[in-house]
């Protein structure tokens, strides 16, 4: 049976936003490589000397506009919902990262840091899967992957995620050219690039399976 209760979907949405933000913070603080969009935002934040939360939010606004271009029409619901998701999420990542700082995750043995990073990637993917299926609001970065997945790539979560990584990868290359170094990129970033979409697809089936995808383009 599909879980269409608005109250339940709202509860799952809030849980997914918190889970996703915490998981991104885990990946940042493990220093083994963040998710692709997150790593890109870390490099922009350092380049422009802006706070991480503010950088994430401005980044999200730009991606929200790009999503409207992908749609080929103005969809006020998607536009507003992308912004509504971005504001709390952007600052929650910074909040959780600050909370995790005293644990000095980046000083753990390398295998422990890898496990923390991998756990973060799995939780990011699970959170993304849940809030996509809540069909209420979602982050513009994931909206882009969602649009690519169902509108252009025949429902493939893996290809949708991979193609959506083109902009952040290009931005990280530009940051590297300008600064001579690149931050928050490592094995976790590589795994996120090639495995996050696959984990999202698996999570669609086994994590809260009563939630179903709803899409119409």
Protein backbone atom coordinates (compact mmCIF):
# COMPACT_ATOMS: atom_id res chain seq x y z
CA UNK A 1 0.00 0.00 0.00
CA UNK A 2 1.31 3.45 -0.85
CA UNK A 3 1.81 5.78 2.06
CA UNK A 4 -0.09 8.88 0.95
CA UNK A 5 -0.72 10.42 4.38
CA UNK A 6 0.52 14.02 4.27
CA UNK A 7 1.44 13.92 7.97
CA UNK A 8 3.54 10.81 7.51
CA UNK A 9 5.22 12.15 4.39
CA UNK A 10 5.99 15.41 6.19
CA UNK A 11 7.49 13.46 9.08
CA UNK A 12 9.64 11.40 6.72
CA UNK A 13 10.67 14.59 4.91
CA UNK A 14 11.90 16.27 8.11
CA UNK A 15 13.73 13.09 9.10
CA UNK A 16 15.34 12.84 5.65
CA UNK A 17 16.53 16.48 5.66
CA UNK A 18 18.17 16.05 9.08
CA UNK A 19 19.67 12.68 8.09
CA UNK A 20 21.04 14.07 4.83
CA UNK A 21 22.54 17.15 6.48
CA UNK A 22 24.15 15.08 9.24
CA UNK A 23 25.51 12.59 6.70
CA UNK A 24 27.06 15.38 4.61
CA UNK A 25 28.70 16.74 7.76
CA UNK A 26 30.09 13.26 8.51
CA UNK A 27 31.67 13.13 5.07
CA UNK A 28 33.13 16.63 5.42
CA UNK A 29 34.60 16.02 8.88
CA UNK A 30 36.03 12.59 8.02
CA UNK A 31 38.22 14.37 5.44
CA UNK A 32 38.07 11.35 3.14
CA UNK A 33 36.06 13.06 0.44
CA UNK A 34 32.62 14.66 0.49
CA UNK A 35 29.68 14.07 -1.81
CA UNK A 36 30.32 15.73 -5.18
CA UNK A 37 28.09 18.80 -4.81
CA UNK A 38 29.22 19.27 -1.21
CA UNK A 39 32.89 19.08 -2.15
CA UNK A 40 32.29 21.61 -4.89
CA UNK A 41 30.64 23.99 -2.40
CA UNK A 42 33.56 23.59 0.04
CA UNK A 43 35.98 24.72 -2.69
CA UNK A 44 33.80 27.69 -3.68
CA UNK A 45 33.45 28.71 -0.03
CA UNK A 46 37.23 28.68 0.40
CA UNK A 47 37.84 30.51 -2.87
CA UNK A 48 35.33 33.29 -2.10
CA UNK A 49 35.97 33.39 1.68
CA UNK A 50 32.27 33.00 2.46
CA UNK A 51 30.58 30.93 5.16
CA UNK A 52 29.81 27.39 4.18
CA UNK A 53 26.08 27.64 4.86
CA UNK A 54 25.71 30.83 2.81
CA UNK A 55 27.72 29.34 -0.06
CA UNK A 56 25.53 26.24 -0.11
CA UNK A 57 22.38 28.35 -0.20
CA UNK A 58 23.54 30.65 -3.03
CA UNK A 59 24.73 27.59 -4.92
CA UNK A 60 21.27 26.05 -4.46
CA UNK A 61 19.52 29.15 -5.81
CA UNK A 62 21.57 28.96 -9.02
CA UNK A 63 20.80 25.25 -9.44
CA UNK A 64 17.11 25.98 -8.83
CA UNK A 65 17.13 28.30 -11.85
CA UNK A 66 18.92 25.67 -13.97
CA UNK A 67 16.22 23.15 -13.04
CA UNK A 68 13.59 25.42 -14.54
CA UNK A 69 15.56 25.41 -17.79
CA UNK A 70 15.69 21.60 -17.71
CA UNK A 71 11.93 21.51 -17.26
CA UNK A 72 11.49 23.73 -20.29
CA UNK A 73 8.81 25.73 -18.46
CA UNK A 74 8.37 27.64 -15.23
CA UNK A 75 7.05 25.40 -12.47
CA UNK A 76 6.33 27.54 -9.42
CA UNK A 77 5.91 24.52 -7.13
CA UNK A 78 9.33 23.08 -7.95
CA UNK A 79 10.97 26.53 -7.86
CA UNK A 80 9.59 27.42 -4.43
CA UNK A 81 10.01 23.93 -2.96
CA UNK A 82 13.68 23.83 -4.03
CA UNK A 83 14.32 27.10 -2.18
CA UNK A 84 12.31 25.99 0.87
CA UNK A 85 14.46 22.87 1.14
CA UNK A 86 17.76 24.66 0.57
CA UNK A 87 17.57 27.19 3.39
CA UNK A 88 17.36 24.85 6.41
CA UNK A 89 19.50 22.16 4.78
CA UNK A 90 22.37 24.52 3.92
CA UNK A 91 22.77 25.75 7.48
CA UNK A 92 22.07 22.35 9.08
CA UNK A 93 25.15 20.93 7.33
CA UNK A 94 27.28 23.69 8.85
CA UNK A 95 25.58 23.18 12.23
CA UNK A 96 26.28 19.43 12.32
CA UNK A 97 29.83 19.95 11.06
CA UNK A 98 30.51 22.28 14.00
CA UNK A 99 28.99 19.78 16.43
CA UNK A 100 31.23 17.01 15.06
CA UNK A 101 34.41 19.13 15.23
CA UNK A 102 35.27 18.18 18.86
CA UNK A 103 35.27 14.49 17.87
CA UNK A 104 38.24 15.14 15.55
CA UNK A 105 37.06 12.58 13.01
CA UNK A 106 39.84 13.59 10.63
CA UNK A 107 42.42 12.35 13.18
CA UNK A 108 41.01 8.82 13.37
CA UNK A 109 42.96 5.97 11.72
CA UNK A 110 42.47 6.02 7.98
CA UNK A 111 40.33 2.87 7.89
CA UNK A 112 38.02 4.35 10.55
CA UNK A 113 37.75 7.61 8.60
CA UNK A 114 36.90 5.61 5.48
CA UNK A 115 34.12 3.74 7.32
CA UNK A 116 32.71 7.04 8.65
CA UNK A 117 32.83 8.50 5.15
CA UNK A 118 31.17 5.42 3.66
CA UNK A 119 28.47 5.52 6.33
CA UNK A 120 27.92 9.18 5.49
CA UNK A 121 27.51 8.35 1.79
CA UNK A 122 24.98 5.60 2.54
CA UNK A 123 22.98 7.93 4.80
CA UNK A 124 23.10 10.74 2.19
CA UNK A 125 21.71 8.33 -0.40
CA UNK A 126 19.03 7.00 1.95
CA UNK A 127 17.95 10.52 2.89
CA UNK A 128 17.79 11.55 -0.76
CA UNK A 129 15.71 8.51 -1.64
CA UNK A 130 13.24 9.18 1.17
CA UNK A 131 12.63 12.85 0.50
CA UNK A 132 12.37 12.33 -3.25
CA UNK A 133 9.57 9.83 -2.62
CA UNK A 134 7.85 12.08 -0.08
CA UNK A 135 6.95 14.20 -3.12
CA UNK A 136 6.81 17.44 -1.13
CA UNK A 137 10.08 19.35 -1.53
CA UNK A 138 13.64 18.37 -2.30
CA UNK A 139 17.07 19.93 -2.68
CA UNK A 140 17.65 21.52 -6.12
CA UNK A 141 20.80 19.42 -6.65
CA UNK A 142 18.76 16.26 -6.23
CA UNK A 143 15.90 17.80 -8.20
CA UNK A 144 18.33 18.12 -11.10
CA UNK A 145 19.30 14.44 -10.85
CA UNK A 146 15.61 13.55 -10.51
CA UNK A 147 14.64 15.53 -13.61
CA UNK A 148 17.49 14.02 -15.60
CA UNK A 149 16.60 10.54 -14.34
CA UNK A 150 12.92 10.54 -15.24
CA UNK A 151 12.73 13.07 -18.08
CA UNK A 152 15.86 12.27 -20.04
CA UNK A 153 17.42 8.99 -18.84
CA UNK A 154 14.54 6.49 -18.74
CA UNK A 155 14.36 6.29 -14.94
CA UNK A 156 18.00 5.32 -14.33
CA UNK A 157 19.01 6.58 -10.87
CA UNK A 158 22.69 5.83 -11.54
CA UNK A 159 22.90 7.77 -14.81
CA UNK A 160 20.73 10.59 -13.49
CA UNK A 161 23.07 11.12 -10.55
CA UNK A 162 26.22 10.78 -12.65
CA UNK A 163 25.16 13.25 -15.35
CA UNK A 164 24.03 15.77 -12.70
CA UNK A 165 27.59 15.82 -11.35
CA UNK A 166 28.94 17.52 -14.48
CA UNK A 167 28.46 21.13 -13.16
CA UNK A 168 30.12 20.60 -9.74
CA UNK A 169 33.04 18.71 -11.29
CA UNK A 170 33.63 21.57 -13.75
CA UNK A 171 33.46 24.08 -10.89
CA UNK A 172 36.01 22.11 -8.84
CA UNK A 173 38.35 22.07 -11.84
CA UNK A 174 38.00 25.86 -12.14
CA UNK A 175 38.69 26.28 -8.41
CA UNK A 176 41.79 24.11 -8.74
CA UNK A 177 43.05 26.19 -11.68
CA UNK A 178 42.52 29.42 -9.69
CA UNK A 179 43.90 28.26 -6.32
CA UNK A 180 46.27 25.44 -7.13
CA UNK A 181 44.63 23.08 -4.66
CA UNK A 182 41.39 21.19 -4.21
CA UNK A 183 39.57 20.51 -0.94
CA UNK A 184 37.20 17.86 0.40
CA UNK A 185 37.87 15.51 -2.51
CA UNK A 186 38.92 11.92 -1.90
CA UNK A 187 37.80 8.33 -2.10
CA UNK A 188 34.37 9.32 -0.75
CA UNK A 189 33.90 11.73 -3.66
CA UNK A 190 34.76 9.02 -6.19
CA UNK A 191 32.38 6.57 -4.51
CA UNK A 192 29.65 9.22 -4.43
CA UNK A 193 30.13 9.98 -8.12
CA UNK A 194 29.71 6.39 -9.25
CA UNK A 195 27.74 4.72 -6.45
CA UNK A 196 25.35 7.28 -4.92
CA UNK A 197 22.75 6.92 -7.67
CA UNK A 198 22.90 3.13 -7.36
CA UNK A 199 22.45 3.29 -3.57
CA UNK A 200 19.51 5.67 -4.06
CA UNK A 201 17.92 3.16 -6.45
CA UNK A 202 18.38 0.35 -3.91
CA UNK A 203 17.05 2.55 -1.09
CA UNK A 204 13.93 3.25 -3.18
CA UNK A 205 13.08 -0.44 -2.84
CA UNK A 206 14.13 -1.29 0.73
CA UNK A 207 13.99 1.93 2.80
CA UNK A 208 10.38 2.86 3.64
CA UNK A 209 9.12 1.01 0.53
CA UNK A 210 5.57 2.28 1.12
CA UNK A 211 6.72 5.67 -0.19
CA UNK A 212 6.48 5.75 -3.98
CA UNK A 213 7.87 8.06 -6.65
CA UNK A 214 5.42 10.56 -8.19
CA UNK A 215 6.54 12.44 -11.26
CA UNK A 216 4.90 14.20 -14.19
CA UNK A 217 6.86 16.14 -16.80
